[in-house]
Protein backbone atom coordinates (compact mmCIF):
# COMPACT_ATOMS: atom_id res chain seq x y z
CA MET A 1 -137.58 209.44 159.23
CA ARG A 2 -139.91 207.10 160.68
CA ILE A 3 -141.73 209.85 161.74
CA MET A 4 -142.31 211.35 158.70
CA LEU A 5 -143.54 208.13 157.22
CA ARG A 6 -146.19 207.94 159.99
CA LEU A 7 -147.32 211.82 159.16
CA ALA A 8 -147.50 210.73 155.44
CA ILE A 9 -149.60 207.82 156.06
CA LEU A 10 -151.67 209.77 158.43
CA ALA A 11 -152.34 212.45 156.00
CA LEU A 12 -153.23 209.83 153.46
CA ALA A 13 -155.70 208.32 155.78
CA GLY A 14 -156.96 212.29 156.55
CA TYR A 15 -157.40 212.63 152.89
CA GLY A 16 -159.16 209.13 152.25
CA ALA A 17 -161.67 210.04 155.26
CA TRP A 18 -162.19 213.28 153.72
CA ARG A 19 -162.89 212.18 150.20
CA LEU A 20 -165.22 209.69 151.23
CA TYR A 21 -167.39 211.98 153.41
CA ASP A 22 -167.39 214.19 150.31
CA GLU A 23 -168.72 211.80 147.76
CA TYR A 24 -171.01 209.87 150.13
CA GLY A 25 -172.01 212.62 152.88
CA LYS A 26 -174.70 213.96 150.28
CA GLN A 27 -176.24 210.91 150.19
CA LEU A 28 -176.80 210.13 153.74
CA PRO A 29 -180.01 211.92 154.06
CA ALA A 30 -181.27 210.02 151.15
CA MET A 31 -180.29 206.84 153.20
CA ARG A 32 -182.09 207.77 156.39
CA PRO A 33 -185.49 206.03 155.49
CA SER A 34 -183.43 203.03 154.75
CA PHE A 35 -181.35 203.17 158.20
CA ASP A 36 -184.92 203.97 160.32
CA GLU A 37 -186.51 200.81 158.50
CA PHE A 38 -183.36 198.51 159.15
CA SER A 39 -183.71 199.56 162.91
CA ALA A 40 -187.12 199.44 163.15
CA ARG A 41 -186.86 195.40 161.72
CA THR A 42 -184.08 194.88 163.87
CA LYS A 43 -186.31 196.24 166.95
CA ARG A 44 -189.02 193.79 165.73
CA ALA A 45 -186.69 190.61 165.44
CA THR A 46 -184.87 191.26 168.18
CA GLY A 47 -188.12 191.20 170.69
CA ARG A 48 -189.37 187.99 169.29
CA ALA A 49 -186.21 186.88 169.63
CA ALA A 50 -186.46 187.14 173.22
CA ASP A 51 -189.89 186.43 173.49
CA ARG A 52 -189.10 182.85 172.05
CA LEU A 53 -186.16 182.64 174.28
CA SER A 54 -188.33 183.46 177.52
CA VAL A 55 -190.48 180.59 176.52
CA ASP A 56 -187.61 178.35 175.84
CA ALA A 57 -186.17 179.15 179.13
CA GLU A 58 -189.46 178.62 180.86
CA ASP A 59 -189.96 175.00 179.31
CA ALA A 60 -186.06 174.20 180.06
CA THR A 61 -186.41 175.09 183.91
CA GLY A 62 -189.53 172.95 184.25
CA ALA A 63 -187.59 169.81 182.39
CA ILE A 64 -184.62 170.33 184.71
CA THR A 65 -187.14 170.46 187.63
CA ASP A 66 -188.82 167.12 186.87
CA ALA A 67 -185.67 165.64 186.33
CA ALA A 68 -184.16 167.15 189.69
CA VAL A 69 -187.15 165.52 191.33
CA ASP A 70 -187.05 162.26 189.66
CA VAL A 71 -183.37 162.04 190.64
CA ARG A 72 -184.26 163.17 194.27
CA ASP A 73 -186.81 160.44 194.27
CA ALA A 74 -184.38 157.43 192.94
CA ALA A 75 -181.77 158.53 195.81
CA ALA A 76 -184.38 158.22 198.03
CA ASP A 77 -185.51 154.85 196.95
CA ALA A 78 -182.01 153.97 196.79
CA GLY A 79 -181.04 154.88 200.27
CA ALA A 80 -184.62 153.09 201.45
CA SER A 81 -183.29 149.95 199.82
CA ALA A 82 -179.55 150.27 201.56
CA GLN A 83 -181.46 150.82 204.81
CA ARG A 84 -183.64 148.02 204.28
CA ASN A 85 -180.43 145.53 203.15
CA LEU A 86 -178.27 146.35 206.38
CA ARG A 87 -181.18 145.74 208.71
CA GLU A 88 -182.27 142.24 206.90
CA PRO A 89 -179.96 139.62 208.33
CA ARG A 90 -177.25 137.73 206.30
CA THR A 91 -177.86 134.68 204.99
CA THR A 92 -174.68 132.88 204.10
CA SER A 93 -173.41 132.55 200.76
CA PRO A 94 -173.14 129.05 199.20
CA ARG A 95 -169.60 129.86 198.31
CA SER A 96 -168.74 130.79 202.19
CA SER A 97 -169.25 127.07 202.54
CA PHE A 98 -166.02 125.70 201.10
């Protein structure tokens, strides 16, 4: 019974596809220019988006490089400050005299 139901559904799907092709298949040549126009517009838009993305990626790369240099300089300054603090003799804290 299941097989008969599945075959009936498959037959109806095939009939529906045939009817769609029969009804709209003749219009495909008339639609061809609009498909070509859509393809050309999409290609141009994709190219412009890729160009903008490339410029933005270069800007982001520059900003990230600048931030990395700032972090490196800050880390070097902190390291130098820590070394200076370790070399200097400790003064006694007023709290330690209690």
